[in-house]
Amino acid sequence: MGRARLRAATLPWHATRMVRDAMDWATALAWQLAMGADEAVSEAPLERTRAAPVSPPVAAPAQQRAPAAAAPARREPPAASRARAAAEAAANLAELAEAIRAFDGLVIRETATRLVFADGVAGAPVMLVGEAPGAEEDAQGKPFVGRSGQLLDRMLASIGLSRAPDAGQIPLYITNIVTWRPPGNRNPTDEELALSLPFCLRHIALAGPRLLVLAGGVAAKALTGRAEGILRLRGRWYELPVPGLRAPVPALPMLHPAYLLRNPGAKRDAWADVLSLRQTIERAGIVPGAITASG
């Protein structure tokens, strides 16, 4: 009697195989998400267990730069023209900070504790732009503090960059696109980015860096105007036009240090980007103690 019940409860072999395959796919998908995969690279999966047909060797085609993928146009917030006018009127960094404090178009100004304007050496040849302050940044009034900031400092110190005014290091200047903390540490909204971008671009123009580092997908997409995610943008240099500067500024998107804390497996890609930054610094002839703008 017990055996009959056991046979009745046992799935047919083909149904058991389907359940096991579904579990394998779910496990594989969970692993990819944990490793930071956030976009597909092909419309169909690749069959990696089947041998590929052998073809005669052919000459490799010349490498071509991927065409630009512009982000979809968004409706401009009503206060955007006021933000641009206020930013353009600032003649130096101190005036820009006061203009941001006085601008009432950003509602998150009312919920933040204080303005998180910048840290590091004003006029440094390398400038890093992140997305928005978190709770610790809001409390201290400085960008990139706490665990993510400590990781960032260690990564950049490994190639001789420092936000401290130390003559033995290459000076670094740090800010965010959004300088007020969004409630709950959420990502900035499209409207908040649109209203903050004129101030950020003016910030870059007044600081006058020779190289830009864009930390995270929010900063990279907002400043380059591209639609791809950070996993596709990172590791490549872009020429960023900045109003008020005579020539575009070379900009390197990188993974945000907070992302690296959540996904340690991505540190290999981050290290490759850091090495690319070091090589570009060397080619540009940037030396310790160099200052490019007065601010």
Foldseek 3Di string as FASTA:
>chain_A
DVVVVVVVPDDDPVVVVVVVVVVVVVVVVVVCVLQPDDDDPDPDDDDPVDDDDDDPDDDDDDDDDDDFAFDDDDDADPCLVVLLVCQVPDPALVSLVVSVLPDPPDPLNVVFQDFQFKFADQQFQEEEEEAEADPVCSVVSYPQDDPLNVVVQVLLVVLFEDRDQDLRGRTYMYGYLQGGQDPPNDGDDPNSNSSSNSSVLSSCLNSVHQAYEYEAQNRVCSQVSGDDHLVVQAPDWDFTDGPNDPGTHIYGYAYRSVVCVSNVVCVVSRSSRSVVVSVVCVVVVRDRPDGRHDD
